[in-house]
Amino acid sequence: MRPILLLTPLVCLILSMSNCGRENPCHEGLIIENESDTTIVASIAIKNSDGLCRLDGEHLDAGEAFNYQPYNSCIEKNIGSTSLEIYIVAASNYNDPSEYYPCDSIQARNTILRKFELTREELQATDFRITYP
């Protein structure tokens, strides 16, 4: 009878740990859908150690969807209480992704079609899916 009493707390601990993934989901990517009739670039702003920026992203043809991973880990952990900024840019006027420039020049260097600023709650409400337009 005594071994059973010792195993019971251990089994409960293991079962409670297995629920952690369900209570704290981790999304490494979000689906971006291009429902427009033109090619776009879905991108995020990258800032280097000198404080200069560039947009970096993926080209999406008309009607195409893409699983975009803006970070190397969970989106929820990276944005915390801030927001995730996704820029939808016209592919015809998109910055050279290898060139950095002053951050206040993002709009001058790119044709921004739409800018999404989404909190964790807003991403959860859309099931981590963004549709352009």
Protein backbone atom coordinates (compact mmCIF):
# COMPACT_ATOMS: atom_id res chain seq x y z
CA MET A 1 0.00 0.00 0.00
CA ARG A 2 2.84 2.41 0.79
CA PRO A 3 4.42 2.30 -2.77
CA ILE A 4 1.08 3.30 -4.26
CA LEU A 5 0.89 6.34 -1.96
CA LEU A 6 4.36 7.43 -3.08
CA LEU A 7 3.59 7.00 -6.77
CA THR A 8 0.34 8.95 -6.68
CA PRO A 9 1.96 12.42 -6.24
CA LEU A 10 4.50 11.61 -8.93
CA VAL A 11 1.80 10.61 -11.42
CA CYS A 12 -0.18 13.78 -10.61
CA LEU A 13 2.90 15.92 -11.19
CA ILE A 14 3.57 14.31 -14.57
CA LEU A 15 -0.06 14.72 -15.64
CA SER A 16 -0.14 18.38 -14.61
CA MET A 17 3.06 19.07 -16.58
CA SER A 18 1.60 17.49 -19.71
CA ASN A 19 -1.16 20.14 -19.71
CA CYS A 20 1.31 23.04 -19.89
CA GLY A 21 1.44 22.99 -23.67
CA ARG A 22 -2.32 23.34 -23.89
CA GLU A 23 -2.52 26.20 -21.41
CA ASN A 24 0.42 28.12 -22.90
CA PRO A 25 0.42 27.47 -26.64
CA CYS A 26 3.43 28.35 -28.72
CA HIS A 27 3.01 29.62 -32.27
CA GLU A 28 6.25 29.82 -34.20
CA GLY A 29 4.55 31.14 -37.30
CA LEU A 30 1.48 32.87 -38.62
CA ILE A 31 -0.29 32.41 -41.91
CA ILE A 32 -0.24 35.42 -44.21
CA GLU A 33 -2.66 35.25 -47.13
CA ASN A 34 -2.43 37.49 -50.16
CA GLU A 35 -5.96 37.81 -51.52
CA SER A 36 -5.05 40.76 -53.73
CA ASP A 37 -4.31 40.57 -57.45
CA THR A 38 -0.67 41.74 -57.14
CA THR A 39 2.56 40.40 -55.69
CA ILE A 40 3.33 41.71 -52.21
CA VAL A 41 6.12 41.36 -49.67
CA ALA A 42 5.13 40.50 -46.10
CA SER A 43 7.92 41.83 -43.90
CA ILE A 44 9.10 42.98 -40.51
CA ALA A 45 11.53 45.79 -39.67
CA ILE A 46 15.00 44.64 -38.68
CA LYS A 47 17.24 47.03 -36.71
CA ASN A 48 21.01 46.58 -36.61
CA SER A 49 23.44 47.54 -33.83
CA ASP A 50 23.95 50.98 -35.41
CA GLY A 51 20.22 51.75 -35.07
CA LEU A 52 19.62 51.47 -38.83
CA CYS A 53 16.67 49.53 -40.26
CA ARG A 54 15.57 47.49 -43.24
CA LEU A 55 12.49 45.51 -44.08
CA ASP A 56 12.97 41.78 -44.50
CA GLY A 57 10.26 39.45 -45.70
CA GLU A 58 8.73 37.03 -48.17
CA HIS A 59 7.27 37.64 -51.62
CA LEU A 60 3.70 36.39 -51.97
CA ASP A 61 2.08 36.12 -55.38
CA ALA A 62 -1.62 36.88 -55.82
CA GLY A 63 -3.69 34.21 -54.07
CA GLU A 64 -0.68 32.74 -52.28
CA ALA A 65 -0.42 31.97 -48.55
CA PHE A 66 2.73 31.56 -46.51
CA ASN A 67 3.61 30.36 -43.01
CA TYR A 68 5.66 33.35 -41.86
CA GLN A 69 8.05 32.88 -38.93
CA PRO A 70 9.16 36.33 -37.77
CA TYR A 71 11.22 34.93 -34.89
CA ASN A 72 13.29 31.83 -34.16
CA SER A 73 10.94 30.86 -31.32
CA CYS A 74 7.41 31.44 -30.05
CA ILE A 75 5.69 34.59 -31.20
CA GLU A 76 3.95 34.87 -27.82
CA LYS A 77 7.29 35.01 -25.96
CA ASN A 78 8.85 37.51 -28.36
CA ILE A 79 6.10 40.10 -28.40
CA GLY A 80 5.22 39.84 -24.71
CA SER A 81 2.99 42.81 -23.93
CA THR A 82 3.98 44.76 -27.06
CA SER A 83 2.76 44.17 -30.63
CA LEU A 84 4.02 42.46 -33.75
CA GLU A 85 4.42 44.83 -36.69
CA ILE A 86 3.95 43.31 -40.14
CA TYR A 87 4.41 45.50 -43.19
CA ILE A 88 2.70 44.61 -46.45
CA VAL A 89 4.82 46.17 -49.19
CA ALA A 90 4.34 46.45 -52.95
CA ALA A 91 6.89 44.09 -54.49
CA SER A 92 7.56 46.69 -57.19
CA ASN A 93 8.99 49.11 -54.59
CA TYR A 94 10.65 47.04 -51.87
CA ASN A 95 14.01 47.93 -50.28
CA ASP A 96 17.18 45.95 -50.95
CA PRO A 97 17.05 43.56 -47.97
CA SER A 98 20.83 43.70 -47.57
CA GLU A 99 20.93 47.51 -47.18
CA TYR A 100 20.26 49.30 -43.88
CA TYR A 101 19.01 52.91 -43.69
CA PRO A 102 17.60 55.34 -41.08
CA CYS A 103 14.50 53.83 -39.48
CA ASP A 104 12.41 56.91 -40.21
CA SER A 105 12.96 56.19 -43.94
CA ILE A 106 11.01 52.93 -44.10
CA GLN A 107 8.08 54.56 -45.89
CA ALA A 108 10.38 56.48 -48.25
CA ARG A 109 12.25 53.30 -49.25
CA ASN A 110 9.16 51.09 -49.63
CA THR A 111 5.59 51.40 -50.83
CA ILE A 112 3.72 50.37 -47.68
CA LEU A 113 0.31 49.03 -48.66
CA ARG A 114 -0.72 48.19 -45.12
CA LYS A 115 0.84 47.98 -41.69
CA PHE A 116 -0.48 45.52 -39.12
CA GLU A 117 0.28 46.16 -35.43
CA LEU A 118 -1.11 43.13 -33.65
CA THR A 119 -1.01 42.27 -29.96
CA ARG A 120 -0.87 38.71 -28.68
CA GLU A 121 -4.61 38.84 -28.02
CA GLU A 122 -5.36 40.10 -31.53
CA LEU A 123 -3.20 37.36 -33.06
CA GLN A 124 -4.99 34.75 -30.96
CA ALA A 125 -8.36 36.15 -32.05
CA THR A 126 -7.38 35.70 -35.72
CA ASP A 127 -5.89 32.24 -35.00
CA PHE A 128 -2.50 33.64 -36.08
CA ARG A 129 -3.74 34.42 -39.57
CA ILE A 130 -3.40 37.71 -41.48
CA THR A 131 -5.22 38.37 -44.73
CA TYR A 132 -4.31 41.15 -47.16
CA PRO A 133 -6.10 43.29 -48.25
